Amino acid sequence: WINSFLKDDRGQTWIGGARALYLYHDGKLLTSDFDLSKKGVYALAEDHQRRIWLGTHDGVYRLALDGHTLEPVARPEIHGEVNAILEDSQGNEWIGTSTSGLIRLAGDKISSSYTVVDGLNDSNVLSLFEDREGSIWVGTANGLDRFRDSSIKPITTKEGLPSNRTQ
């Protein structure tokens, strides 16, 4: 099955599947040479350097600029399922995981992480979005969180959200 899509700055469409990474270009569907049969691709993103990031069942990876090397990022800290990836306007990468909450990378290093203990609605992060004001919106399995200037504001059905599950 297909889990994620990304149209990169070159106009190419990347498709993340349960067993492979695909590239749709000039009317042709190409399968990558990377063995992702045990990892699956759940999230795709492109950073300001035009590198493709992959969220998998086994952590986060980045396609090197040569296009032929898949590099693990922030191992062993990020080792579980990655559902969402977002590069913010400051160049930080935000990584949403299934069990470890939200992780922010500055370069290749973890600069901060957030779980339920820190005020996140749920440690299962399903989606990420940055708005015009620079707030990071985090959709979790139990509500929506907004990060503004490093503070968390939870938004749930108590505040009028129709459902706590946000994808």
N, C-alpha and C. Protein backbone atom coordinates (compact mmCIF):
# COMPACT_ATOMS: atom_id res chain seq x y z
N TRP A 1 0.82 -1.18 0.00
CA TRP A 1 0.00 0.00 0.00
C TRP A 1 0.87 1.24 0.00
N ILE A 2 0.26 2.40 -0.27
CA ILE A 2 0.95 3.69 -0.35
C ILE A 2 0.68 4.46 0.94
N ASN A 3 1.75 5.01 1.54
CA ASN A 3 1.63 5.72 2.81
C ASN A 3 1.83 7.23 2.68
N SER A 4 2.63 7.67 1.71
CA SER A 4 2.96 9.10 1.65
C SER A 4 3.35 9.52 0.24
N PHE A 5 3.20 10.82 -0.01
CA PHE A 5 3.57 11.43 -1.29
C PHE A 5 4.37 12.69 -1.02
N LEU A 6 5.22 13.05 -1.99
CA LEU A 6 5.96 14.30 -1.93
C LEU A 6 6.27 14.76 -3.35
N LYS A 7 5.95 16.00 -3.64
CA LYS A 7 6.40 16.59 -4.89
C LYS A 7 7.57 17.50 -4.54
N ASP A 8 8.76 17.18 -5.06
CA ASP A 8 9.95 17.93 -4.68
C ASP A 8 10.11 19.20 -5.51
N ASP A 9 11.14 19.98 -5.20
CA ASP A 9 11.38 21.25 -5.89
C ASP A 9 11.72 21.08 -7.37
N ARG A 10 12.09 19.88 -7.77
CA ARG A 10 12.40 19.60 -9.18
C ARG A 10 11.17 19.16 -9.96
N GLY A 11 10.04 19.03 -9.24
CA GLY A 11 8.81 18.61 -9.90
C GLY A 11 8.62 17.11 -9.95
N GLN A 12 9.48 16.36 -9.30
CA GLN A 12 9.36 14.91 -9.27
C GLN A 12 8.43 14.49 -8.14
N THR A 13 7.69 13.44 -8.34
CA THR A 13 6.78 12.93 -7.32
C THR A 13 7.37 11.68 -6.69
N TRP A 14 7.57 11.74 -5.38
CA TRP A 14 8.06 10.61 -4.60
C TRP A 14 6.87 9.93 -3.94
N ILE A 15 6.89 8.61 -3.90
CA ILE A 15 5.80 7.83 -3.33
C ILE A 15 6.39 6.86 -2.32
N GLY A 16 5.93 6.95 -1.08
CA GLY A 16 6.40 6.04 -0.04
C GLY A 16 5.44 4.90 0.13
N GLY A 17 5.94 3.70 -0.05
CA GLY A 17 5.10 2.51 0.06
C GLY A 17 5.49 1.62 1.21
N ALA A 18 4.72 0.58 1.41
CA ALA A 18 4.95 -0.35 2.51
C ALA A 18 6.25 -1.12 2.35
N ARG A 19 6.73 -1.25 1.12
CA ARG A 19 7.93 -2.04 0.88
C ARG A 19 8.98 -1.35 0.03
N ALA A 20 8.68 -0.14 -0.46
CA ALA A 20 9.64 0.51 -1.35
C ALA A 20 9.39 2.01 -1.44
N LEU A 21 10.38 2.70 -1.99
CA LEU A 21 10.28 4.11 -2.33
C LEU A 21 10.22 4.18 -3.84
N TYR A 22 9.26 4.95 -4.36
CA TYR A 22 9.07 5.07 -5.80
C TYR A 22 9.26 6.52 -6.22
N LEU A 23 9.63 6.68 -7.48
CA LEU A 23 9.76 8.01 -8.07
C LEU A 23 8.95 8.00 -9.36
N TYR A 24 8.01 8.94 -9.46
CA TYR A 24 7.21 9.08 -10.69
C TYR A 24 7.74 10.30 -11.41
N HIS A 25 8.28 10.08 -12.62
CA HIS A 25 8.90 11.17 -13.37
C HIS A 25 8.73 10.90 -14.86
N ASP A 26 8.33 11.93 -15.59
CA ASP A 26 8.13 11.83 -17.05
C ASP A 26 7.25 10.66 -17.44
N GLY A 27 6.18 10.45 -16.67
CA GLY A 27 5.21 9.41 -17.01
C GLY A 27 5.65 8.00 -16.68
N LYS A 28 6.78 7.85 -15.98
CA LYS A 28 7.28 6.52 -15.63
C LYS A 28 7.38 6.37 -14.12
N LEU A 29 7.02 5.20 -13.63
CA LEU A 29 7.15 4.87 -12.22
C LEU A 29 8.40 4.04 -12.03
N LEU A 30 9.35 4.57 -11.27
CA LEU A 30 10.61 3.89 -11.01
C LEU A 30 10.66 3.47 -9.55
N THR A 31 11.21 2.30 -9.29
CA THR A 31 11.38 1.81 -7.92
C THR A 31 12.82 2.04 -7.51
N SER A 32 13.02 2.57 -6.30
CA SER A 32 14.38 2.82 -5.83
C SER A 32 15.12 1.50 -5.61
N ASP A 33 16.43 1.59 -5.56
CA ASP A 33 17.27 0.41 -5.33
C ASP A 33 17.42 0.09 -3.85
N PHE A 34 16.87 0.92 -2.98
CA PHE A 34 17.03 0.71 -1.54
C PHE A 34 16.12 -0.42 -1.07
N ASP A 35 16.66 -1.28 -0.23
CA ASP A 35 15.85 -2.36 0.34
C ASP A 35 15.07 -1.81 1.53
N LEU A 36 13.82 -1.48 1.30
CA LEU A 36 12.94 -0.94 2.34
C LEU A 36 11.85 -1.93 2.71
N SER A 37 12.03 -3.18 2.32
CA SER A 37 10.98 -4.18 2.53
C SER A 37 10.65 -4.38 4.01
N LYS A 38 11.61 -4.17 4.90
CA LYS A 38 11.33 -4.33 6.33
C LYS A 38 11.13 -3.00 7.03
N LYS A 39 11.29 -1.90 6.31
CA LYS A 39 11.17 -0.57 6.92
C LYS A 39 9.87 0.12 6.55
N GLY A 40 9.46 0.05 5.30
CA GLY A 40 8.31 0.80 4.83
C GLY A 40 8.59 2.29 4.89
N VAL A 41 7.90 3.08 4.10
CA VAL A 41 8.06 4.54 4.10
C VAL A 41 6.73 5.15 4.51
N TYR A 42 6.69 5.78 5.69
CA TYR A 42 5.46 6.35 6.24
C TYR A 42 5.36 7.86 6.07
N ALA A 43 6.52 8.51 5.89
CA ALA A 43 6.54 9.97 5.76
C ALA A 43 7.65 10.37 4.80
N LEU A 44 7.41 11.46 4.06
CA LEU A 44 8.39 12.00 3.13
C LEU A 44 8.46 13.51 3.30
N ALA A 45 9.65 14.07 3.19
CA ALA A 45 9.82 15.52 3.25
C ALA A 45 11.07 15.89 2.46
N GLU A 46 11.14 17.16 2.08
CA GLU A 46 12.33 17.67 1.40
C GLU A 46 12.84 18.86 2.20
N ASP A 47 14.15 18.92 2.42
CA ASP A 47 14.71 20.05 3.17
C ASP A 47 15.19 21.14 2.22
N HIS A 48 15.68 22.25 2.78
CA HIS A 48 16.11 23.39 1.97
C HIS A 48 17.33 23.08 1.11
N GLN A 49 18.04 22.00 1.41
CA GLN A 49 19.17 21.57 0.58
C GLN A 49 18.74 20.60 -0.51
N ARG A 50 17.43 20.38 -0.61
CA ARG A 50 16.82 19.51 -1.61
C ARG A 50 17.10 18.03 -1.37
N ARG A 51 17.35 17.68 -0.10
CA ARG A 51 17.52 16.28 0.27
C ARG A 51 16.16 15.72 0.67
N ILE A 52 15.92 14.48 0.30
CA ILE A 52 14.66 13.81 0.63
C ILE A 52 14.84 13.05 1.94
N TRP A 53 13.89 13.25 2.86
CA TRP A 53 13.87 12.58 4.16
C TRP A 53 12.77 11.52 4.15
N LEU A 54 13.06 10.37 4.73
CA LEU A 54 12.11 9.27 4.79
C LEU A 54 11.85 8.89 6.25
N GLY A 55 10.59 8.84 6.62
CA GLY A 55 10.19 8.31 7.92
C GLY A 55 9.79 6.87 7.72
N THR A 56 10.39 5.96 8.45
CA THR A 56 10.16 4.53 8.26
C THR A 56 9.74 3.87 9.57
N HIS A 57 9.50 2.59 9.50
CA HIS A 57 9.19 1.78 10.67
C HIS A 57 10.41 1.68 11.59
N ASP A 58 11.58 1.96 11.03
CA ASP A 58 12.85 1.79 11.73
C ASP A 58 13.62 3.11 11.85
N GLY A 59 12.93 4.22 12.04
CA GLY A 59 13.61 5.50 12.22
C GLY A 59 13.53 6.40 11.00
N VAL A 60 14.40 7.41 11.00
CA VAL A 60 14.40 8.39 9.92
C VAL A 60 15.71 8.29 9.13
N TYR A 61 15.56 8.43 7.81
CA TYR A 61 16.68 8.34 6.90
C TYR A 61 16.65 9.54 5.96
N ARG A 62 17.81 9.83 5.39
CA ARG A 62 17.91 10.94 4.44
C ARG A 62 18.63 10.43 3.20
N LEU A 63 18.09 10.78 2.06
CA LEU A 63 18.71 10.44 0.79
C LEU A 63 19.83 11.44 0.56
N ALA A 64 21.05 10.95 0.43
CA ALA A 64 22.22 11.82 0.24
C ALA A 64 22.09 12.58 -1.08
N LEU A 65 22.82 13.67 -1.18
CA LEU A 65 22.77 14.50 -2.38
C LEU A 65 23.17 13.73 -3.64
N ASP A 66 23.96 12.67 -3.48
CA ASP A 66 24.34 11.86 -4.65
C ASP A 66 23.17 11.04 -5.17
N GLY A 67 22.09 10.94 -4.37
CA GLY A 67 20.89 10.21 -4.78
C GLY A 67 21.01 8.71 -4.70
N HIS A 68 22.15 8.21 -4.24
CA HIS A 68 22.37 6.76 -4.22
C HIS A 68 22.64 6.19 -2.84
N THR A 69 22.67 7.05 -1.84
CA THR A 69 22.98 6.60 -0.49
C THR A 69 21.86 7.00 0.46
N LEU A 70 21.41 6.06 1.26
CA LEU A 70 20.39 6.31 2.27
C LEU A 70 21.09 6.36 3.62
N GLU A 71 21.06 7.53 4.27
CA GLU A 71 21.78 7.74 5.52
C GLU A 71 20.82 7.72 6.70
N PRO A 72 21.10 6.93 7.74
CA PRO A 72 20.29 7.01 8.96
C PRO A 72 20.59 8.34 9.66
N VAL A 73 19.58 8.93 10.27
CA VAL A 73 19.74 10.22 10.96
C VAL A 73 19.40 10.03 12.44
N ALA A 74 20.24 10.61 13.29
CA ALA A 74 20.05 10.61 14.75
C ALA A 74 19.82 9.21 15.31
N ARG A 75 20.64 8.29 14.88
CA ARG A 75 20.59 6.94 15.44
C ARG A 75 21.49 6.89 16.64
N PRO A 76 21.25 6.20 17.69
CA PRO A 76 20.11 5.31 17.90
C PRO A 76 18.91 5.99 18.55
N GLU A 77 18.96 7.32 18.75
CA GLU A 77 17.88 8.01 19.45
C GLU A 77 16.53 7.85 18.76
N ILE A 78 16.50 7.98 17.43
CA ILE A 78 15.25 7.81 16.68
C ILE A 78 15.32 6.43 16.04
N HIS A 79 14.58 5.50 16.60
CA HIS A 79 14.69 4.12 16.12
C HIS A 79 13.33 3.46 15.88
N GLY A 80 12.25 4.10 16.22
CA GLY A 80 10.93 3.51 16.01
C GLY A 80 10.25 4.10 14.78
N GLU A 81 8.96 3.87 14.69
CA GLU A 81 8.18 4.30 13.53
C GLU A 81 8.07 5.83 13.49
N VAL A 82 8.38 6.38 12.33
CA VAL A 82 8.29 7.83 12.09
C VAL A 82 7.11 8.08 11.17
N ASN A 83 6.13 8.86 11.66
CA ASN A 83 4.90 9.12 10.92
C ASN A 83 4.89 10.44 10.17
N ALA A 84 5.70 11.40 10.62
CA ALA A 84 5.65 12.74 10.03
C ALA A 84 7.01 13.41 10.12
N ILE A 85 7.34 14.21 9.10
CA ILE A 85 8.59 14.97 9.06
C ILE A 85 8.26 16.35 8.52
N LEU A 86 8.83 17.38 9.14
CA LEU A 86 8.61 18.75 8.69
C LEU A 86 9.89 19.56 8.89
N GLU A 87 10.31 20.28 7.86
CA GLU A 87 11.37 21.26 8.05
C GLU A 87 10.71 22.61 8.26
N ASP A 88 11.03 23.27 9.39
CA ASP A 88 10.41 24.56 9.67
C ASP A 88 11.16 25.70 8.98
N SER A 89 10.64 26.90 9.10
CA SER A 89 11.23 28.06 8.43
C SER A 89 12.60 28.43 8.98
N GLN A 90 12.98 27.87 10.12
CA GLN A 90 14.30 28.11 10.71
C GLN A 90 15.32 27.04 10.31
N GLY A 91 14.88 26.04 9.52
CA GLY A 91 15.77 24.97 9.08
C GLY A 91 15.87 23.80 10.04
N ASN A 92 15.03 23.76 11.08
CA ASN A 92 14.98 22.62 11.99
C ASN A 92 14.10 21.53 11.38
N GLU A 93 14.46 20.29 11.64
CA GLU A 93 13.62 19.17 11.22
C GLU A 93 12.82 18.70 12.43
N TRP A 94 11.52 18.58 12.27
CA TRP A 94 10.63 18.05 13.31
C TRP A 94 10.24 16.64 12.89
N ILE A 95 10.40 15.70 13.81
CA ILE A 95 10.15 14.29 13.53
C ILE A 95 9.04 13.82 14.47
N GLY A 96 7.93 13.35 13.89
CA GLY A 96 6.82 12.82 14.66
C GLY A 96 6.87 11.30 14.67
N THR A 97 6.90 10.72 15.86
CA THR A 97 7.03 9.27 15.98
C THR A 97 5.76 8.63 16.57
N SER A 98 5.69 7.32 16.51
CA SER A 98 4.54 6.60 17.05
C SER A 98 4.59 6.43 18.55
N THR A 99 5.78 6.34 19.11
CA THR A 99 5.88 6.06 20.54
C THR A 99 6.78 7.03 21.31
N SER A 100 7.64 7.75 20.61
CA SER A 100 8.60 8.64 21.29
C SER A 100 8.23 10.10 21.19
N GLY A 101 7.03 10.41 20.75
CA GLY A 101 6.57 11.79 20.67
C GLY A 101 7.19 12.57 19.53
N LEU A 102 7.52 13.82 19.82
CA LEU A 102 8.02 14.77 18.84
C LEU A 102 9.48 15.08 19.12
N ILE A 103 10.29 15.05 18.07
CA ILE A 103 11.72 15.30 18.20
C ILE A 103 12.09 16.42 17.23
N ARG A 104 12.88 17.39 17.73
CA ARG A 104 13.36 18.48 16.88
C ARG A 104 14.86 18.31 16.69
N LEU A 105 15.27 18.33 15.41
CA LEU A 105 16.68 18.23 15.07
C LEU A 105 17.19 19.58 14.61
N ALA A 106 18.38 19.94 15.07
CA ALA A 106 19.11 21.09 14.54
C ALA A 106 20.35 20.47 13.90
N GLY A 107 20.42 20.52 12.59
CA GLY A 107 21.45 19.75 11.89
C GLY A 107 21.09 18.28 12.03
N ASP A 108 22.04 17.48 12.45
CA ASP A 108 21.78 16.05 12.66
C ASP A 108 21.66 15.69 14.13
N LYS A 109 21.62 16.70 14.99
CA LYS A 109 21.58 16.48 16.44
C LYS A 109 20.19 16.81 16.98
N ILE A 110 19.77 16.04 17.98
CA ILE A 110 18.50 16.31 18.64
C ILE A 110 18.67 17.54 19.52
N SER A 111 17.85 18.57 19.26
CA SER A 111 17.92 19.79 20.07
C SER A 111 16.85 19.79 21.16
N SER A 112 15.74 19.08 20.94
CA SER A 112 14.71 18.95 21.96
C SER A 112 13.77 17.82 21.58
N SER A 113 13.06 17.32 22.59
CA SER A 113 12.04 16.29 22.33
C SER A 113 10.90 16.51 23.31
N TYR A 114 9.71 16.08 22.89
CA TYR A 114 8.49 16.31 23.67
C TYR A 114 7.66 15.04 23.68
N THR A 115 7.18 14.68 24.86
CA THR A 115 6.28 13.55 25.03
C THR A 115 5.12 14.00 25.92
N VAL A 116 4.30 13.07 26.33
CA VAL A 116 3.19 13.36 27.24
C VAL A 116 3.71 14.00 28.53
N VAL A 117 4.84 13.55 29.02
CA VAL A 117 5.43 14.09 30.25
C VAL A 117 5.70 15.60 30.12
N ASP A 118 6.01 16.05 28.89
CA ASP A 118 6.31 17.46 28.64
C ASP A 118 5.07 18.28 28.30
N GLY A 119 3.90 17.64 28.24
CA GLY A 119 2.67 18.35 27.94
C GLY A 119 2.06 18.04 26.59
N LEU A 120 2.70 17.21 25.78
CA LEU A 120 2.14 16.79 24.50
C LEU A 120 0.90 15.95 24.77
N ASN A 121 -0.15 16.12 23.96
CA ASN A 121 -1.40 15.37 24.16
C ASN A 121 -1.20 13.86 24.12
N ASP A 122 -0.30 13.39 23.27
CA ASP A 122 -0.08 11.96 23.10
C ASP A 122 1.30 11.78 22.49
N SER A 123 1.97 10.68 22.79
CA SER A 123 3.29 10.41 22.21
C SER A 123 3.21 9.82 20.82
N ASN A 124 2.00 9.53 20.33
CA ASN A 124 1.81 9.06 18.96
C ASN A 124 1.50 10.27 18.08
N VAL A 125 2.53 10.80 17.42
CA VAL A 125 2.39 11.97 16.55
C VAL A 125 2.05 11.50 15.15
N LEU A 126 0.97 12.04 14.59
CA LEU A 126 0.47 11.60 13.29
C LEU A 126 0.72 12.59 12.17
N SER A 127 0.79 13.90 12.48
CA SER A 127 0.97 14.89 11.43
C SER A 127 1.60 16.16 11.98
N LEU A 128 2.23 16.94 11.07
CA LEU A 128 2.92 18.18 11.43
C LEU A 128 2.63 19.24 10.39
N PHE A 129 2.55 20.52 10.86
CA PHE A 129 2.29 21.63 9.95
C PHE A 129 2.86 22.90 10.57
N GLU A 130 3.45 23.77 9.75
CA GLU A 130 3.90 25.08 10.21
C GLU A 130 3.02 26.15 9.58
N ASP A 131 2.47 27.05 10.40
CA ASP A 131 1.62 28.11 9.87
C ASP A 131 2.44 29.36 9.53
N ARG A 132 1.78 30.38 9.01
CA ARG A 132 2.46 31.61 8.58
C ARG A 132 3.20 32.33 9.70
N GLU A 133 2.72 32.18 10.92
CA GLU A 133 3.35 32.85 12.06
C GLU A 133 4.51 32.05 12.63
N GLY A 134 4.79 30.87 12.08
CA GLY A 134 5.89 30.04 12.57
C GLY A 134 5.50 29.07 13.67
N SER A 135 4.21 28.98 13.99
CA SER A 135 3.76 27.99 14.97
C SER A 135 3.81 26.60 14.33
N ILE A 136 4.22 25.62 15.11
CA ILE A 136 4.23 24.23 14.65
C ILE A 136 3.00 23.55 15.25
N TRP A 137 2.16 23.01 14.38
CA TRP A 137 0.95 22.29 14.80
C TRP A 137 1.25 20.80 14.75
N VAL A 138 0.90 20.11 15.81
CA VAL A 138 1.21 18.70 15.96
C VAL A 138 -0.09 17.93 16.15
N GLY A 139 -0.43 17.10 15.18
CA GLY A 139 -1.60 16.24 15.29
C GLY A 139 -1.20 14.93 15.95
N THR A 140 -1.87 14.59 17.04
CA THR A 140 -1.55 13.34 17.75
C THR A 140 -2.77 12.44 17.77
N ALA A 141 -2.59 11.27 18.34
CA ALA A 141 -3.70 10.32 18.48
C ALA A 141 -4.70 10.77 19.54
N ASN A 142 -4.37 11.85 20.27
CA ASN A 142 -5.26 12.28 21.35
C ASN A 142 -5.44 13.80 21.39
N GLY A 143 -5.36 14.45 20.24
CA GLY A 143 -5.57 15.89 20.21
C GLY A 143 -4.54 16.61 19.36
N LEU A 144 -4.63 17.91 19.40
CA LEU A 144 -3.79 18.80 18.60
C LEU A 144 -2.98 19.67 19.54
N ASP A 145 -1.71 19.85 19.23
CA ASP A 145 -0.85 20.72 20.04
C ASP A 145 -0.27 21.81 19.14
N ARG A 146 -0.11 23.01 19.71
CA ARG A 146 0.53 24.11 18.98
C ARG A 146 1.77 24.54 19.73
N PHE A 147 2.90 24.56 19.02
CA PHE A 147 4.15 25.03 19.58
C PHE A 147 4.40 26.44 19.09
N ARG A 148 4.55 27.34 20.02
CA ARG A 148 4.87 28.74 19.69
C ARG A 148 5.92 29.20 20.69
N ASP A 149 7.07 29.60 20.21
CA ASP A 149 8.16 30.05 21.08
C ASP A 149 8.46 29.02 22.17
N SER A 150 8.55 27.77 21.78
CA SER A 150 8.91 26.64 22.66
C SER A 150 7.89 26.30 23.74
N SER A 151 6.70 26.89 23.69
CA SER A 151 5.67 26.48 24.65
C SER A 151 4.59 25.68 23.92
N ILE A 152 3.98 24.75 24.64
CA ILE A 152 2.95 23.87 24.07
C ILE A 152 1.58 24.33 24.52
N LYS A 153 0.64 24.42 23.56
CA LYS A 153 -0.75 24.69 23.89
C LYS A 153 -1.56 23.52 23.37
N PRO A 154 -2.09 22.66 24.27
CA PRO A 154 -2.91 21.54 23.83
C PRO A 154 -4.31 22.00 23.41
N ILE A 155 -4.83 21.38 22.36
CA ILE A 155 -6.19 21.64 21.89
C ILE A 155 -6.85 20.28 21.70
N THR A 156 -7.96 20.06 22.42
CA THR A 156 -8.66 18.78 22.36
C THR A 156 -10.15 19.02 22.19
N THR A 157 -10.93 17.97 22.36
CA THR A 157 -12.38 18.11 22.30
C THR A 157 -12.89 19.05 23.39
N LYS A 158 -12.12 19.21 24.47
CA LYS A 158 -12.50 20.14 25.54
C LYS A 158 -12.54 21.58 25.03
N GLU A 159 -11.70 21.88 24.05
CA GLU A 159 -11.68 23.22 23.46
C GLU A 159 -12.56 23.31 22.20
N GLY A 160 -13.27 22.23 21.88
CA GLY A 160 -14.19 22.25 20.74
C GLY A 160 -13.72 21.49 19.51
N LEU A 161 -12.56 20.84 19.58
CA LEU A 161 -12.10 20.01 18.46
C LEU A 161 -13.08 18.87 18.26
N PRO A 162 -13.50 18.57 17.03
CA PRO A 162 -14.52 17.54 16.83
C PRO A 162 -14.07 16.13 17.23
N SER A 163 -12.76 15.87 17.18
CA SER A 163 -12.23 14.58 17.57
C SER A 163 -10.81 14.79 18.09
N ASN A 164 -10.38 13.95 18.99
CA ASN A 164 -9.01 14.06 19.48
C ASN A 164 -8.00 13.43 18.52
N ARG A 165 -8.43 12.51 17.66
CA ARG A 165 -7.51 11.87 16.71
C ARG A 165 -7.35 12.80 15.51
N THR A 166 -6.12 13.24 15.27
CA THR A 166 -5.84 14.17 14.17
C THR A 166 -4.79 13.57 13.24
N GLN A 167 -5.09 13.50 11.94
CA GLN A 167 -4.13 12.95 10.98
C GLN A 167 -3.82 13.93 9.91
